[in-house]
């Protein structure tokens, strides 16, 4: 784990003259944005942002357009407006580091995480600087991913099966609306006779931040690949789908269709872990993340935990 200081950069209410966080976000936008672009994540403490209404007020106060979680890959529930549960993966699961919707042609620039209920144990939102991940990877791995990019493959069922349904993924039951979204966002799609949907998205693996110009590691290849699972599950999946790996609920390979070497995926995970920073949530905390500069994940936890999330352009 990384022991970096000022990541996330912390702002406490007692260190400001603001009456509320929405007010502070509006009146100090330039300074907040400066720290966000420098550090990648800003944690606001003791402002009492502990429910969906207060989170919505903060998202609205910060410049940018609040977004729906369309084409999302994580199981979550829309609570109201543009506020969702952060994830509904089982408490015992570790969610690997990723940049939200990096497999899409459009992604949120900013993510707001709000702690309503902190876990009794664990449950940290793990974060890592995407610039440092790129810097620490071997030239060989970087060159391969830069040259070939990443092809993400998802097989979405129509209501029953492993992984998410296409209805939940696109927040609609309208096939035409799904097709229109895919056509507009460079997503190859194919329906089968059972109303299941196959998606293929070919994306870059390394991109440049539009404001800082810095190159960042920006992909979810290691998360989409079945080797992200425990070894016994990985082996079972490879055996089950050995005749057609691309039929898995989700899969990743290079854009030319060649397989990503397991050694490279192992390196990506090791470098990500090396750069991971953990902090302990307290009820009322809110963290603002630049989605391109900072990857995030989640550690396993015990007891009740409720982290809300909202995204904006």
C-alpha atoms as a PDB file:
ATOM      1  CA  UNK A   1       0.000   0.000   0.000  1.00  0.00           C
ATOM      2  CA  UNK A   2       1.060   3.551  -0.681  1.00  0.00           C
ATOM      3  CA  UNK A   3       1.556   5.882   2.270  1.00  0.00           C
ATOM      4  CA  UNK A   4       1.317   9.058   0.197  1.00  0.00           C
ATOM      5  CA  UNK A   5       0.333  12.210   2.047  1.00  0.00           C
ATOM      6  CA  UNK A   6      -2.311  14.585   0.712  1.00  0.00           C
ATOM      7  CA  UNK A   7      -4.030  11.771  -1.160  1.00  0.00           C
ATOM      8  CA  UNK A   8      -6.813  12.361  -0.858  1.00  0.00           C
ATOM      9  CA  UNK A   9      -6.374  16.049  -0.098  1.00  0.00           C
ATOM     10  CA  UNK A  10      -8.469  16.761   3.032  1.00  0.00           C
ATOM     11  CA  UNK A  11     -10.645  19.799   3.708  1.00  0.00           C
ATOM     12  CA  UNK A  12     -12.405  20.126   7.076  1.00  0.00           C
ATOM     13  CA  UNK A  13     -15.359  22.414   7.734  1.00  0.00           C
ATOM     14  CA  UNK A  14     -13.587  23.983  10.700  1.00  0.00           C
ATOM     15  CA  UNK A  15     -10.814  25.113   8.340  1.00  0.00           C
ATOM     16  CA  UNK A  16     -13.290  27.121   6.242  1.00  0.00           C
ATOM     17  CA  UNK A  17     -15.699  29.992   6.805  1.00  0.00           C
ATOM     18  CA  UNK A  18     -18.451  28.360   4.747  1.00  0.00           C
ATOM     19  CA  UNK A  19     -21.822  27.599   6.300  1.00  0.00           C
ATOM     20  CA  UNK A  20     -22.297  24.536   4.126  1.00  0.00           C
ATOM     21  CA  UNK A  21     -20.409  22.392   1.636  1.00  0.00           C
ATOM     22  CA  UNK A  22     -22.569  23.438  -1.355  1.00  0.00           C
ATOM     23  CA  UNK A  23     -21.700  27.048  -0.539  1.00  0.00           C
ATOM     24  CA  UNK A  24     -18.018  26.171  -0.213  1.00  0.00           C
ATOM     25  CA  UNK A  25     -18.051  24.289  -3.525  1.00  0.00           C
ATOM     26  CA  UNK A  26     -19.477  27.337  -5.287  1.00  0.00           C
ATOM     27  CA  UNK A  27     -17.425  30.097  -3.688  1.00  0.00           C
ATOM     28  CA  UNK A  28     -14.103  28.225  -3.706  1.00  0.00           C
ATOM     29  CA  UNK A  29     -14.426  26.342  -6.980  1.00  0.00           C
ATOM     30  CA  UNK A  30     -11.113  27.516  -8.439  1.00  0.00           C
ATOM     31  CA  UNK A  31      -9.079  26.450  -5.399  1.00  0.00           C
ATOM     32  CA  UNK A  32     -10.937  23.153  -5.094  1.00  0.00           C
ATOM     33  CA  UNK A  33     -10.373  22.440  -8.784  1.00  0.00           C
ATOM     34  CA  UNK A  34      -6.669  23.256  -8.407  1.00  0.00           C
ATOM     35  CA  UNK A  35      -6.282  20.756  -5.560  1.00  0.00           C
ATOM     36  CA  UNK A  36      -8.361  18.180  -7.420  1.00  0.00           C
ATOM     37  CA  UNK A  37      -6.160  18.373 -10.514  1.00  0.00           C
ATOM     38  CA  UNK A  38      -3.016  18.240  -8.373  1.00  0.00           C
ATOM     39  CA  UNK A  39      -3.990  15.412  -6.029  1.00  0.00           C
ATOM     40  CA  UNK A  40      -6.739  13.619  -7.956  1.00  0.00           C
ATOM     41  CA  UNK A  41      -9.135  13.344  -5.011  1.00  0.00           C
ATOM     42  CA  UNK A  42     -10.437  15.692  -2.314  1.00  0.00           C
ATOM     43  CA  UNK A  43     -12.041  14.466   0.928  1.00  0.00           C
ATOM     44  CA  UNK A  44     -14.407  16.869   2.685  1.00  0.00           C
ATOM     45  CA  UNK A  45     -14.887  16.086   6.374  1.00  0.00           C
ATOM     46  CA  UNK A  46     -17.277  17.331   9.085  1.00  0.00           C
ATOM     47  CA  UNK A  47     -19.663  18.993   6.616  1.00  0.00           C
ATOM     48  CA  UNK A  48     -22.428  16.509   7.532  1.00  0.00           C
ATOM     49  CA  UNK A  49     -23.163  15.234   4.008  1.00  0.00           C
ATOM     50  CA  UNK A  50     -24.870  12.039   5.151  1.00  0.00           C
ATOM     51  CA  UNK A  51     -27.915  11.476   2.921  1.00  0.00           C
ATOM     52  CA  UNK A  52     -28.962  11.585  -0.718  1.00  0.00           C
ATOM     53  CA  UNK A  53     -30.579  15.020  -0.508  1.00  0.00           C
ATOM     54  CA  UNK A  54     -27.420  16.654   0.800  1.00  0.00           C
ATOM     55  CA  UNK A  55     -25.310  14.795  -1.737  1.00  0.00           C
ATOM     56  CA  UNK A  56     -27.530  16.053  -4.565  1.00  0.00           C
ATOM     57  CA  UNK A  57     -27.118  19.626  -3.297  1.00  0.00           C
ATOM     58  CA  UNK A  58     -23.336  19.262  -3.491  1.00  0.00           C
ATOM     59  CA  UNK A  59     -23.349  17.749  -6.973  1.00  0.00           C
ATOM     60  CA  UNK A  60     -25.632  20.514  -8.204  1.00  0.00           C
ATOM     61  CA  UNK A  61     -23.423  23.205  -6.647  1.00  0.00           C
ATOM     62  CA  UNK A  62     -20.265  21.942  -8.375  1.00  0.00           C
ATOM     63  CA  UNK A  63     -19.969  22.876 -12.071  1.00  0.00           C
ATOM     64  CA  UNK A  64     -20.805  20.002 -14.376  1.00  0.00           C
ATOM     65  CA  UNK A  65     -23.879  18.083 -15.506  1.00  0.00           C
ATOM     66  CA  UNK A  66     -25.086  15.260 -13.181  1.00  0.00           C
ATOM     67  CA  UNK A  67     -25.165  11.958 -15.069  1.00  0.00           C
ATOM     68  CA  UNK A  68     -27.145   8.732 -15.110  1.00  0.00           C
ATOM     69  CA  UNK A  69     -25.196   5.480 -14.786  1.00  0.00           C
ATOM     70  CA  UNK A  70     -26.041   4.321 -18.316  1.00  0.00           C
ATOM     71  CA  UNK A  71     -23.895   1.460 -19.701  1.00  0.00           C
ATOM     72  CA  UNK A  72     -22.619   0.801 -16.171  1.00  0.00           C
ATOM     73  CA  UNK A  73     -21.079  -2.525 -15.228  1.00  0.00           C
ATOM     74  CA  UNK A  74     -21.409  -2.458 -11.426  1.00  0.00           C
ATOM     75  CA  UNK A  75     -24.615  -3.621  -9.719  1.00  0.00           C
ATOM     76  CA  UNK A  76     -26.186  -0.570  -8.111  1.00  0.00           C
ATOM     77  CA  UNK A  77     -29.593   0.959  -7.485  1.00  0.00           C
ATOM     78  CA  UNK A  78     -30.787   4.419  -8.468  1.00  0.00           C
ATOM     79  CA  UNK A  79     -32.104   6.012  -5.278  1.00  0.00           C
ATOM     80  CA  UNK A  80     -33.303   9.364  -6.560  1.00  0.00           C
ATOM     81  CA  UNK A  81     -32.342  11.828  -9.277  1.00  0.00           C
ATOM     82  CA  UNK A  82     -28.724  11.027 -10.188  1.00  0.00           C
ATOM     83  CA  UNK A  83     -27.859   9.390  -6.829  1.00  0.00           C
ATOM     84  CA  UNK A  84     -27.059   5.673  -6.703  1.00  0.00           C
ATOM     85  CA  UNK A  85     -25.807   3.100  -4.251  1.00  0.00           C
ATOM     86  CA  UNK A  86     -22.048   2.869  -4.762  1.00  0.00           C
ATOM     87  CA  UNK A  87     -22.149  -0.869  -5.476  1.00  0.00           C
ATOM     88  CA  UNK A  88     -24.078  -3.944  -4.444  1.00  0.00           C
ATOM     89  CA  UNK A  89     -21.295  -6.483  -4.730  1.00  0.00           C
ATOM     90  CA  UNK A  90     -21.238  -8.800  -1.678  1.00  0.00           C
ATOM     91  CA  UNK A  91     -19.563  -7.416   1.441  1.00  0.00           C
ATOM     92  CA  UNK A  92     -16.832 -10.073   1.324  1.00  0.00           C
ATOM     93  CA  UNK A  93     -15.793  -9.115  -2.217  1.00  0.00           C
ATOM     94  CA  UNK A  94     -12.833  -6.892  -3.026  1.00  0.00           C
ATOM     95  CA  UNK A  95     -13.616  -4.557  -5.917  1.00  0.00           C
ATOM     96  CA  UNK A  96     -10.476  -3.964  -7.930  1.00  0.00           C
ATOM     97  CA  UNK A  97      -9.259  -0.512  -8.846  1.00  0.00           C
ATOM     98  CA  UNK A  98     -10.816   1.023 -11.936  1.00  0.00           C
ATOM     99  CA  UNK A  99     -11.747   4.324 -13.562  1.00  0.00           C
ATOM    100  CA  UNK A 100     -15.521   4.525 -13.897  1.00  0.00           C
ATOM    101  CA  UNK A 101     -16.820   3.708 -17.389  1.00  0.00           C
ATOM    102  CA  UNK A 102     -13.335   3.673 -18.915  1.00  0.00           C
ATOM    103  CA  UNK A 103     -14.688   1.044 -21.326  1.00  0.00           C
ATOM    104  CA  UNK A 104     -17.225   3.559 -22.644  1.00  0.00           C
ATOM    105  CA  UNK A 105     -16.810   6.330 -25.203  1.00  0.00           C
ATOM    106  CA  UNK A 106     -18.096   8.777 -22.578  1.00  0.00           C
ATOM    107  CA  UNK A 107     -17.377   8.747 -18.888  1.00  0.00           C
ATOM    108  CA  UNK A 108     -17.933  10.970 -15.842  1.00  0.00           C
ATOM    109  CA  UNK A 109     -15.226  13.528 -15.184  1.00  0.00           C
ATOM    110  CA  UNK A 110     -16.096  13.739 -11.501  1.00  0.00           C
ATOM    111  CA  UNK A 111     -17.405  11.198  -8.983  1.00  0.00           C
ATOM    112  CA  UNK A 112     -18.871  12.113  -5.602  1.00  0.00           C
ATOM    113  CA  UNK A 113     -18.786   9.451  -2.881  1.00  0.00           C
ATOM    114  CA  UNK A 114     -20.853  10.155   0.237  1.00  0.00           C
ATOM    115  CA  UNK A 115     -20.716   8.145   3.482  1.00  0.00           C
ATOM    116  CA  UNK A 116     -24.155   7.710   5.024  1.00  0.00           C
ATOM    117  CA  UNK A 117     -23.244   4.692   7.171  1.00  0.00           C
ATOM    118  CA  UNK A 118     -19.628   3.654   7.769  1.00  0.00           C
ATOM    119  CA  UNK A 119     -18.843  -0.063   8.012  1.00  0.00           C
ATOM    120  CA  UNK A 120     -17.983  -1.535  11.399  1.00  0.00           C
ATOM    121  CA  UNK A 121     -14.819  -2.962   9.885  1.00  0.00           C
ATOM    122  CA  UNK A 122     -13.165  -2.459   6.483  1.00  0.00           C
ATOM    123  CA  UNK A 123     -15.178  -1.037   3.620  1.00  0.00           C
ATOM    124  CA  UNK A 124     -12.635   1.561   2.552  1.00  0.00           C
ATOM    125  CA  UNK A 125     -13.009   3.158  -0.858  1.00  0.00           C
ATOM    126  CA  UNK A 126      -9.534   2.339  -2.130  1.00  0.00           C
ATOM    127  CA  UNK A 127      -7.978   4.926  -4.437  1.00  0.00           C
ATOM    128  CA  UNK A 128      -4.833   5.123  -6.561  1.00  0.00           C
ATOM    129  CA  UNK A 129      -3.264   7.817  -8.720  1.00  0.00           C
ATOM    130  CA  UNK A 130      -3.690   6.757 -12.370  1.00  0.00           C
ATOM    131  CA  UNK A 131      -0.603   8.778 -13.307  1.00  0.00           C
ATOM    132  CA  UNK A 132       1.555   6.812 -10.877  1.00  0.00           C
ATOM    133  CA  UNK A 133       0.165   3.482 -12.035  1.00  0.00           C
ATOM    134  CA  UNK A 134       1.224   4.347 -15.586  1.00  0.00           C
ATOM    135  CA  UNK A 135       4.648   5.537 -14.428  1.00  0.00           C
ATOM    136  CA  UNK A 136       5.315   2.320 -12.499  1.00  0.00           C
ATOM    137  CA  UNK A 137       4.362  -0.139 -15.228  1.00  0.00           C
ATOM    138  CA  UNK A 138       7.110  -1.658 -17.371  1.00  0.00           C
ATOM    139  CA  UNK A 139       7.779  -0.069 -20.778  1.00  0.00           C
ATOM    140  CA  UNK A 140       6.914  -3.400 -22.427  1.00  0.00           C
ATOM    141  CA  UNK A 141       3.447  -3.508 -20.862  1.00  0.00           C
ATOM    142  CA  UNK A 142       2.765   0.156 -21.550  1.00  0.00           C
ATOM    143  CA  UNK A 143       3.775  -0.185 -25.189  1.00  0.00           C
ATOM    144  CA  UNK A 144       1.550  -3.246 -25.686  1.00  0.00           C
ATOM    145  CA  UNK A 145      -1.510  -1.549 -24.218  1.00  0.00           C
ATOM    146  CA  UNK A 146      -0.836   1.759 -25.971  1.00  0.00           C
ATOM    147  CA  UNK A 147      -0.415   0.048 -29.326  1.00  0.00           C
ATOM    148  CA  UNK A 148      -3.262  -2.453 -29.089  1.00  0.00           C
ATOM    149  CA  UNK A 149      -5.796  -0.887 -26.731  1.00  0.00           C
ATOM    150  CA  UNK A 150      -8.443  -2.939 -24.938  1.00  0.00           C
ATOM    151  CA  UNK A 151     -11.501  -4.726 -26.289  1.00  0.00           C
ATOM    152  CA  UNK A 152     -14.249  -5.149 -23.692  1.00  0.00           C
ATOM    153  CA  UNK A 153     -16.835  -7.862 -24.274  1.00  0.00           C
ATOM    154  CA  UNK A 154     -20.058  -8.193 -22.308  1.00  0.00           C
ATOM    155  CA  UNK A 155     -22.891 -10.685 -22.674  1.00  0.00           C
ATOM    156  CA  UNK A 156     -25.970  -9.253 -20.990  1.00  0.00           C
ATOM    157  CA  UNK A 157     -28.965 -11.472 -20.285  1.00  0.00           C
ATOM    158  CA  UNK A 158     -32.569 -10.305 -20.626  1.00  0.00           C
ATOM    159  CA  UNK A 159     -33.615 -10.910 -17.038  1.00  0.00           C
ATOM    160  CA  UNK A 160     -32.160 -14.206 -15.829  1.00  0.00           C
ATOM    161  CA  UNK A 161     -28.530 -15.270 -15.818  1.00  0.00           C
ATOM    162  CA  UNK A 162     -25.076 -14.426 -14.490  1.00  0.00           C
ATOM    163  CA  UNK A 163     -24.084 -10.761 -14.372  1.00  0.00           C
ATOM    164  CA  UNK A 164     -26.323  -7.771 -15.102  1.00  0.00           C
ATOM    165  CA  UNK A 165     -29.242  -7.640 -17.516  1.00  0.00           C
ATOM    166  CA  UNK A 166     -29.271  -5.238 -20.448  1.00  0.00           C
ATOM    167  CA  UNK A 167     -32.382  -3.614 -18.953  1.00  0.00           C
ATOM    168  CA  UNK A 168     -30.517  -2.735 -15.748  1.00  0.00           C
ATOM    169  CA  UNK A 169     -27.382  -1.725 -17.643  1.00  0.00           C
ATOM    170  CA  UNK A 170     -29.190   0.791 -19.839  1.00  0.00           C
ATOM    171  CA  UNK A 171     -32.019   1.677 -17.422  1.00  0.00           C
ATOM    172  CA  UNK A 172     -34.671   0.870 -20.030  1.00  0.00           C
ATOM    173  CA  UNK A 173     -36.752  -2.007 -21.415  1.00  0.00           C
ATOM    174  CA  UNK A 174     -36.725  -0.452 -24.890  1.00  0.00           C
ATOM    175  CA  UNK A 175     -34.468  -2.354 -27.300  1.00  0.00           C
ATOM    176  CA  UNK A 176     -34.505   0.509 -29.790  1.00  0.00           C
ATOM    177  CA  UNK A 177     -33.289   2.951 -27.123  1.00  0.00           C
ATOM    178  CA  UNK A 178     -30.432   0.559 -26.373  1.00  0.00           C
ATOM    179  CA  UNK A 179     -29.521   0.276 -30.042  1.00  0.00           C
ATOM    180  CA  UNK A 180     -29.633   4.043 -30.465  1.00  0.00           C
ATOM    181  CA  UNK A 181     -27.282   4.468 -27.503  1.00  0.00           C
ATOM    182  CA  UNK A 182     -24.884   1.863 -28.871  1.00  0.00           C
ATOM    183  CA  UNK A 183     -24.807   3.422 -32.338  1.00  0.00           C
ATOM    184  CA  UNK A 184     -24.206   6.880 -30.886  1.00  0.00           C
ATOM    185  CA  UNK A 185     -21.412   5.692 -28.599  1.00  0.00           C
ATOM    186  CA  UNK A 186     -19.329   3.381 -30.792  1.00  0.00           C
ATOM    187  CA  UNK A 187     -20.563   0.134 -29.226  1.00  0.00           C
ATOM    188  CA  UNK A 188     -20.867  -2.957 -31.417  1.00  0.00           C
ATOM    189  CA  UNK A 189     -23.968  -4.932 -30.439  1.00  0.00           C
ATOM    190  CA  UNK A 190     -25.717  -8.157 -31.338  1.00  0.00           C
ATOM    191  CA  UNK A 191     -29.000  -9.664 -30.119  1.00  0.00           C
ATOM    192  CA  UNK A 192     -29.493 -13.408 -29.959  1.00  0.00           C
ATOM    193  CA  UNK A 193     -32.740 -15.369 -30.267  1.00  0.00           C
ATOM    194  CA  UNK A 194     -33.323 -15.271 -26.513  1.00  0.00           C
ATOM    195  CA  UNK A 195     -33.273 -11.465 -26.300  1.00  0.00           C
ATOM    196  CA  UNK A 196     -29.772 -11.466 -24.818  1.00  0.00           C
ATOM    197  CA  UNK A 197     -27.333  -8.738 -25.848  1.00  0.00           C
ATOM    198  CA  UNK A 198     -23.638  -8.940 -26.722  1.00  0.00           C
ATOM    199  CA  UNK A 199     -21.604  -5.729 -26.515  1.00  0.00           C
ATOM    200  CA  UNK A 200     -18.092  -5.084 -27.846  1.00  0.00           C
ATOM    201  CA  UNK A 201     -16.305  -1.845 -27.009  1.00  0.00           C
ATOM    202  CA  UNK A 202     -12.846  -1.102 -28.398  1.00  0.00           C
ATOM    203  CA  UNK A 203     -11.046   1.602 -26.436  1.00  0.00           C
ATOM    204  CA  UNK A 204      -7.650   3.132 -25.766  1.00  0.00           C
ATOM    205  CA  UNK A 205      -5.827   1.982 -22.631  1.00  0.00           C
ATOM    206  CA  UNK A 206      -3.785   5.142 -22.036  1.00  0.00           C
ATOM    207  CA  UNK A 207      -5.237   8.615 -22.582  1.00  0.00           C
ATOM    208  CA  UNK A 208      -4.359  12.238 -21.833  1.00  0.00           C
ATOM    209  CA  UNK A 209      -6.208  14.357 -19.295  1.00  0.00           C
ATOM    210  CA  UNK A 210      -7.950  17.218 -21.157  1.00  0.00           C
ATOM    211  CA  UNK A 211      -6.968  19.863 -18.587  1.00  0.00           C
ATOM    212  CA  UNK A 212      -3.525  18.836 -17.354  1.00  0.00           C
ATOM    213  CA  UNK A 213      -2.305  17.069 -20.505  1.00  0.00           C
ATOM    214  CA  UNK A 214      -0.894  14.254 -18.366  1.00  0.00           C
ATOM    215  CA  UNK A 215      -1.019  10.693 -19.614  1.00  0.00           C
ATOM    216  CA  UNK A 216      -2.989   8.328 -17.387  1.00  0.00           C
ATOM    217  CA  UNK A 217      -3.600   4.602 -17.176  1.00  0.00           C
ATOM    218  CA  UNK A 218      -7.301   4.493 -18.038  1.00  0.00           C
ATOM    219  CA  UNK A 219      -8.785   1.061 -18.601  1.00  0.00           C
ATOM    220  CA  UNK A 220     -10.422  -1.883 -16.854  1.00  0.00           C
ATOM    221  CA  UNK A 221      -8.692  -4.745 -18.641  1.00  0.00           C
ATOM    222  CA  UNK A 222      -7.617  -6.491 -15.444  1.00  0.00           C
ATOM    223  CA  UNK A 223     -11.116  -6.134 -13.943  1.00  0.00           C
ATOM    224  CA  UNK A 224     -12.958  -7.473 -17.003  1.00  0.00           C
ATOM    225  CA  UNK A 225     -10.595 -10.400 -17.465  1.00  0.00           C
ATOM    226  CA  UNK A 226     -11.654 -13.605 -15.625  1.00  0.00           C
ATOM    227  CA  UNK A 227      -8.238 -13.803 -13.963  1.00  0.00           C
ATOM    228  CA  UNK A 228      -9.504 -11.096 -11.595  1.00  0.00           C
ATOM    229  CA  UNK A 229     -11.317 -13.908  -9.751  1.00  0.00           C
ATOM    230  CA  UNK A 230      -9.906 -16.347  -7.233  1.00  0.00           C
ATOM    231  CA  UNK A 231      -7.785 -19.012  -8.908  1.00  0.00           C
ATOM    232  CA  UNK A 232     -10.383 -21.794  -8.571  1.00  0.00           C
ATOM    233  CA  UNK A 233     -13.117 -19.617 -10.080  1.00  0.00           C
ATOM    234  CA  UNK A 234     -10.810 -18.462 -12.863  1.00  0.00           C
ATOM    235  CA  UNK A 235      -9.920 -22.038 -13.772  1.00  0.00           C
ATOM    236  CA  UNK A 236     -13.570 -23.084 -13.706  1.00  0.00           C
ATOM    237  CA  UNK A 237     -14.562 -20.213 -16.011  1.00  0.00           C
ATOM    238  CA  UNK A 238     -11.754 -20.975 -18.457  1.00  0.00           C
ATOM    239  CA  UNK A 239     -12.828 -24.620 -18.574  1.00  0.00           C
ATOM    240  CA  UNK A 240     -16.527 -23.793 -18.933  1.00  0.00           C
ATOM    241  CA  UNK A 241     -15.939 -21.328 -21.767  1.00  0.00           C
ATOM    242  CA  UNK A 242     -12.817 -22.888 -23.295  1.00  0.00           C
ATOM    243  CA  UNK A 243     -14.459 -23.149 -26.722  1.00  0.00           C
ATOM    244  CA  UNK A 244     -15.620 -19.516 -26.717  1.00  0.00           C
ATOM    245  CA  UNK A 245     -14.012 -17.219 -24.170  1.00  0.00           C
ATOM    246  CA  UNK A 246     -15.912 -14.276 -25.635  1.00  0.00           C
ATOM    247  CA  UNK A 247     -19.189 -15.833 -24.446  1.00  0.00           C
ATOM    248  CA  UNK A 248     -18.352 -15.127 -20.802  1.00  0.00           C
ATOM    249  CA  UNK A 249     -20.533 -12.547 -19.024  1.00  0.00           C
ATOM    250  CA  UNK A 250     -17.541 -10.236 -19.423  1.00  0.00           C
ATOM    251  CA  UNK A 251     -14.111 -10.566 -20.988  1.00  0.00           C
ATOM    252  CA  UNK A 252     -11.188  -8.422 -22.115  1.00  0.00           C
ATOM    253  CA  UNK A 253      -8.557  -8.861 -24.817  1.00  0.00           C
ATOM    254  CA  UNK A 254      -6.520  -6.553 -27.029  1.00  0.00           C
ATOM    255  CA  UNK A 255      -8.346  -4.665 -29.784  1.00  0.00           C
ATOM    256  CA  UNK A 256      -6.861  -6.923 -32.458  1.00  0.00           C
ATOM    257  CA  UNK A 257      -8.455  -9.918 -30.750  1.00  0.00           C
ATOM    258  CA  UNK A 258      -5.210 -11.290 -29.310  1.00  0.00           C
ATOM    259  CA  UNK A 259      -5.138 -12.364 -25.678  1.00  0.00           C
ATOM    260  CA  UNK A 260      -3.655 -10.153 -22.983  1.00  0.00           C
ATOM    261  CA  UNK A 261      -0.809 -12.109 -21.356  1.00  0.00           C
ATOM    262  CA  UNK A 262      -1.599 -13.132 -17.790  1.00  0.00           C
ATOM    263  CA  UNK A 263       1.829 -11.838 -16.785  1.00  0.00           C
ATOM    264  CA  UNK A 264       0.825  -8.327 -17.873  1.00  0.00           C
ATOM    265  CA  UNK A 265      -2.461  -8.476 -15.992  1.00  0.00           C
ATOM    266  CA  UNK A 266      -0.564  -9.674 -12.924  1.00  0.00           C
ATOM    267  CA  UNK A 267       1.808  -6.733 -13.254  1.00  0.00           C
ATOM    268  CA  UNK A 268      -1.078  -4.278 -13.551  1.00  0.00           C
ATOM    269  CA  UNK A 269      -2.637  -5.637 -10.365  1.00  0.00           C
ATOM    270  CA  UNK A 270       0.663  -5.535  -8.472  1.00  0.00           C
ATOM    271  CA  UNK A 271       1.383  -1.958  -9.534  1.00  0.00           C
ATOM    272  CA  UNK A 272      -2.175  -0.921  -8.681  1.00  0.00           C
ATOM    273  CA  UNK A 273      -1.879  -2.492  -5.235  1.00  0.00           C
ATOM    274  CA  UNK A 274       1.468  -0.784  -4.675  1.00  0.00           C
ATOM    275  CA  UNK A 275      -0.157   2.592  -5.341  1.00  0.00           C
ATOM    276  CA  UNK A 276      -3.391   1.948  -3.433  1.00  0.00           C
ATOM    277  CA  UNK A 277      -4.289   4.310  -0.593  1.00  0.00           C
ATOM    278  CA  UNK A 278      -6.938   3.515   2.013  1.00  0.00           C
ATOM    279  CA  UNK A 279      -8.725   5.818   4.425  1.00  0.00           C
ATOM    280  CA  UNK A 280     -11.432   5.241   7.023  1.00  0.00           C
ATOM    281  CA  UNK A 281     -14.891   6.568   6.205  1.00  0.00           C
ATOM    282  CA  UNK A 282     -16.867   8.526   8.785  1.00  0.00           C
ATOM    283  CA  UNK A 283     -20.567   9.296   8.418  1.00  0.00           C
ATOM    284  CA  UNK A 284     -20.942  12.698   6.752  1.00  0.00           C
ATOM    285  CA  UNK A 285     -17.726  12.442   4.710  1.00  0.00           C
ATOM    286  CA  UNK A 286     -17.835  13.189   1.001  1.00  0.00           C
ATOM    287  CA  UNK A 287     -15.000  12.536  -1.450  1.00  0.00           C
ATOM    288  CA  UNK A 288     -14.727  14.222  -4.832  1.00  0.00           C
ATOM    289  CA  UNK A 289     -12.653  12.270  -7.369  1.00  0.00           C
ATOM    290  CA  UNK A 290     -11.310  13.231 -10.782  1.00  0.00           C
ATOM    291  CA  UNK A 291     -12.228  10.019 -12.580  1.00  0.00           C
ATOM    292  CA  UNK A 292      -9.331  10.200 -15.034  1.00  0.00           C
ATOM    293  CA  UNK A 293      -6.636  10.981 -12.471  1.00  0.00           C
ATOM    294  CA  UNK A 294      -7.812   8.581  -9.775  1.00  0.00           C
ATOM    295  CA  UNK A 295      -8.900   4.947  -9.894  1.00  0.00           C
ATOM    296  CA  UNK A 296     -11.102   3.588  -7.128  1.00  0.00           C
ATOM    297  CA  UNK A 297     -12.194   0.268  -5.651  1.00  0.00           C
ATOM    298  CA  UNK A 298     -13.540  -1.152  -2.388  1.00  0.00           C
ATOM    299  CA  UNK A 299     -12.202  -3.372   0.372  1.00  0.00           C
ATOM    300  CA  UNK A 300     -14.329  -6.105   2.011  1.00  0.00           C
ATOM    301  CA  UNK A 301     -16.280  -5.078   5.090  1.00  0.00           C
ATOM    302  CA  UNK A 302     -18.368  -6.205   8.046  1.00  0.00           C
ATOM    303  CA  UNK A 303     -21.530  -4.685   9.419  1.00  0.00           C
ATOM    304  CA  UNK A 304     -23.868  -2.226   7.688  1.00  0.00           C
ATOM    305  CA  UNK A 305     -22.291   0.097   5.133  1.00  0.00           C
ATOM    306  CA  UNK A 306     -23.968   2.656   2.916  1.00  0.00           C
ATOM    307  CA  UNK A 307     -21.905   4.734   0.513  1.00  0.00           C
ATOM    308  CA  UNK A 308     -23.819   6.830  -1.997  1.00  0.00           C
ATOM    309  CA  UNK A 309     -22.424   7.909  -5.353  1.00  0.00           C
ATOM    310  CA  UNK A 310     -23.248  10.517  -7.955  1.00  0.00           C
ATOM    311  CA  UNK A 311     -21.377  11.369 -11.144  1.00  0.00           C
ATOM    312  CA  UNK A 312     -21.053  14.465 -13.292  1.00  0.00           C
ATOM    313  CA  UNK A 313     -19.479  15.589 -16.534  1.00  0.00           C
END
